[in-house]
Amino acid sequence: MKKGFLVVLIVFMLFLTSCSVMNSSPFSQPENQKGAAYHDFKGFGIIDYKAFPQVAQAKLAALEAARQDAYSKAVEYIYGVYIDSKTTVKDFVLQNKSIESSLWGTIRGAQQIDEGFNMTEGMAYVTIRIFRKDIEELLGKKLKNF
């Protein structure tokens, strides 16, 4: 009885280990090491065949959306995000809540290092790389914890 339970436990642990190694999330970001010479940002765009009935046009639009998403992630990482929130409460009941976020920044020196399609998920992806020296030049200061 104990042997059978042990075998089931080992098989289950191997299954969990294999799931984590496969990196099943299609939205995973590249891992960047602390102190690295560059930082990678991965953006995603949905392939919309309804808005763009031509397959090539839908793929190009998805690639452009993915490129813009990658640049947005880079701006958010480098400059941060401004968030404005307004909440209205009456008699201890939430009446209205709005949250707005905005990004603003300039990106120079970015290089597109990868692009492609994940057709099972129906999306495009683009990865851009920005070197530490370019970020330091943009900010006008040396970075300690990059």
Protein backbone atom coordinates (compact mmCIF):
# COMPACT_ATOMS: atom_id res chain seq x y z
CA MET A 1 0.00 0.00 0.00
CA LYS A 2 2.78 2.40 0.96
CA LYS A 3 4.73 1.50 -2.20
CA GLY A 4 1.74 2.30 -4.46
CA PHE A 5 1.20 5.66 -2.75
CA LEU A 6 4.89 6.49 -3.13
CA VAL A 7 4.81 5.68 -6.87
CA VAL A 8 1.72 7.87 -7.38
CA LEU A 9 3.37 10.69 -5.44
CA ILE A 10 6.55 10.50 -7.54
CA VAL A 11 4.58 10.45 -10.82
CA PHE A 12 2.53 13.45 -9.66
CA MET A 13 5.67 15.41 -8.71
CA LEU A 14 7.25 14.64 -12.11
CA PHE A 15 4.07 15.87 -13.79
CA LEU A 16 4.18 19.15 -11.85
CA THR A 17 7.86 19.61 -12.61
CA SER A 18 7.32 19.06 -16.33
CA CYS A 19 4.45 21.58 -16.35
CA SER A 20 6.62 24.27 -14.82
CA VAL A 21 9.50 23.60 -17.19
CA MET A 22 7.28 23.89 -20.28
CA ASN A 23 6.52 27.56 -19.50
CA SER A 24 2.93 27.18 -20.63
CA SER A 25 2.06 30.86 -20.41
CA PRO A 26 2.07 32.48 -23.85
CA PHE A 27 2.48 35.89 -22.19
CA SER A 28 5.74 35.17 -20.40
CA GLN A 29 8.41 37.85 -20.52
CA PRO A 30 12.11 37.20 -21.21
CA GLU A 31 14.11 36.73 -18.03
CA ASN A 32 16.58 39.56 -17.48
CA GLN A 33 19.53 39.21 -15.14
CA LYS A 34 20.37 41.94 -12.63
CA GLY A 35 23.37 43.90 -13.82
CA ALA A 36 22.92 42.75 -17.43
CA ALA A 37 24.04 44.96 -20.31
CA TYR A 38 20.52 44.99 -21.79
CA HIS A 39 16.85 44.43 -21.02
CA ASP A 40 14.35 42.64 -23.27
CA PHE A 41 10.64 43.50 -23.57
CA LYS A 42 8.10 41.23 -25.25
CA GLY A 43 4.85 42.60 -26.67
CA PHE A 44 1.77 40.79 -27.97
CA GLY A 45 -0.93 41.53 -30.54
CA ILE A 46 -4.09 39.65 -31.43
CA ILE A 47 -4.59 38.49 -35.03
CA ASP A 48 -8.03 39.95 -35.86
CA TYR A 49 -9.49 38.37 -39.00
CA LYS A 50 -12.81 40.22 -38.57
CA ALA A 51 -11.27 43.69 -38.77
CA PHE A 52 -8.73 42.57 -41.41
CA PRO A 53 -10.18 39.87 -43.69
CA GLN A 54 -6.92 39.50 -45.64
CA VAL A 55 -4.63 37.09 -43.76
CA ALA A 56 -1.46 39.06 -44.52
CA GLN A 57 -3.06 42.32 -43.40
CA ALA A 58 -4.31 40.74 -40.15
CA LYS A 59 -0.83 39.38 -39.39
CA LEU A 60 0.89 42.70 -40.15
CA ALA A 61 -1.59 44.57 -37.93
CA ALA A 62 -0.98 42.05 -35.12
CA LEU A 63 2.80 42.47 -35.48
CA GLU A 64 2.46 46.27 -35.28
CA ALA A 65 0.24 45.95 -32.19
CA ALA A 66 2.83 43.62 -30.62
CA ARG A 67 5.62 46.09 -31.42
CA GLN A 68 3.67 48.93 -29.79
CA ASP A 69 2.97 46.74 -26.75
CA ALA A 70 6.69 45.97 -26.38
CA TYR A 71 7.55 49.68 -26.55
CA SER A 72 4.80 50.46 -23.99
CA LYS A 73 6.29 47.91 -21.61
CA ALA A 74 9.73 49.47 -22.10
CA VAL A 75 8.41 52.99 -21.37
CA GLU A 76 6.58 51.70 -18.28
CA TYR A 77 9.75 50.00 -17.02
CA ILE A 78 12.06 52.95 -17.67
CA TYR A 79 9.87 55.92 -16.77
CA GLY A 80 7.04 54.42 -14.71
CA VAL A 81 3.29 54.88 -15.01
CA TYR A 82 1.14 57.81 -13.90
CA ILE A 83 -2.11 56.57 -12.35
CA ASP A 84 -5.04 58.83 -11.48
CA SER A 85 -7.92 57.39 -9.50
CA LYS A 86 -11.27 58.86 -8.48
CA THR A 87 -13.75 57.14 -6.18
CA THR A 88 -17.19 58.30 -5.04
CA VAL A 89 -18.76 56.74 -1.95
CA LYS A 90 -22.23 57.60 -0.61
CA ASP A 91 -23.62 56.06 2.58
CA PHE A 92 -20.70 53.63 2.67
CA VAL A 93 -21.61 52.28 -0.78
CA LEU A 94 -19.34 52.63 -3.79
CA GLN A 95 -21.08 54.86 -6.34
CA ASN A 96 -18.42 55.40 -8.96
CA LYS A 97 -14.78 54.45 -9.47
CA SER A 98 -12.52 55.38 -12.35
CA ILE A 99 -8.86 54.67 -12.86
CA GLU A 100 -6.80 56.20 -15.64
CA SER A 101 -3.20 55.41 -16.41
CA SER A 102 -0.89 57.13 -18.84
CA LEU A 103 2.58 56.52 -20.22
CA TRP A 104 4.93 59.07 -21.63
CA GLY A 105 8.49 58.61 -22.69
CA THR A 106 11.06 58.47 -25.43
CA ILE A 107 12.79 55.28 -26.44
CA ARG A 108 15.98 55.42 -28.48
CA GLY A 109 18.37 52.65 -29.31
CA ALA A 110 15.86 49.78 -29.15
CA GLN A 111 16.54 46.81 -31.40
CA GLN A 112 13.94 44.32 -32.50
CA ILE A 113 15.50 40.91 -31.84
CA ASP A 114 12.56 38.55 -32.40
CA GLU A 115 9.10 38.41 -33.92
CA GLY A 116 6.69 35.69 -34.82
CA PHE A 117 3.26 34.17 -34.47
CA ASN A 118 1.69 31.78 -31.99
CA MET A 119 -1.11 30.48 -34.18
CA THR A 120 -2.57 28.22 -31.48
CA GLU A 121 -3.18 31.36 -29.36
CA GLY A 122 -4.00 33.54 -32.39
CA MET A 123 -1.43 36.23 -31.66
CA ALA A 124 1.80 37.80 -32.78
CA TYR A 125 4.78 38.63 -30.59
CA VAL A 126 7.70 41.03 -30.87
CA THR A 127 10.74 41.24 -28.59
CA ILE A 128 12.82 44.40 -28.40
CA ARG A 129 16.15 44.88 -26.65
CA ILE A 130 17.36 48.09 -25.04
CA PHE A 131 20.92 48.36 -23.82
CA ARG A 132 21.70 49.73 -20.38
CA LYS A 133 23.89 52.49 -21.81
CA ASP A 134 20.98 53.74 -23.95
CA ILE A 135 18.64 53.82 -20.95
CA GLU A 136 21.25 55.68 -18.89
CA GLU A 137 21.63 58.17 -21.74
CA LEU A 138 17.85 58.68 -21.90
CA LEU A 139 17.58 59.24 -18.15
CA GLY A 140 20.81 61.19 -17.87
CA LYS A 141 22.10 59.15 -14.93
CA LYS A 142 23.81 55.87 -14.10
CA LEU A 143 21.54 53.03 -13.05
CA LYS A 144 22.34 51.12 -9.87
CA ASN A 145 19.70 48.36 -9.87
CA PHE A 146 19.08 47.56 -13.50
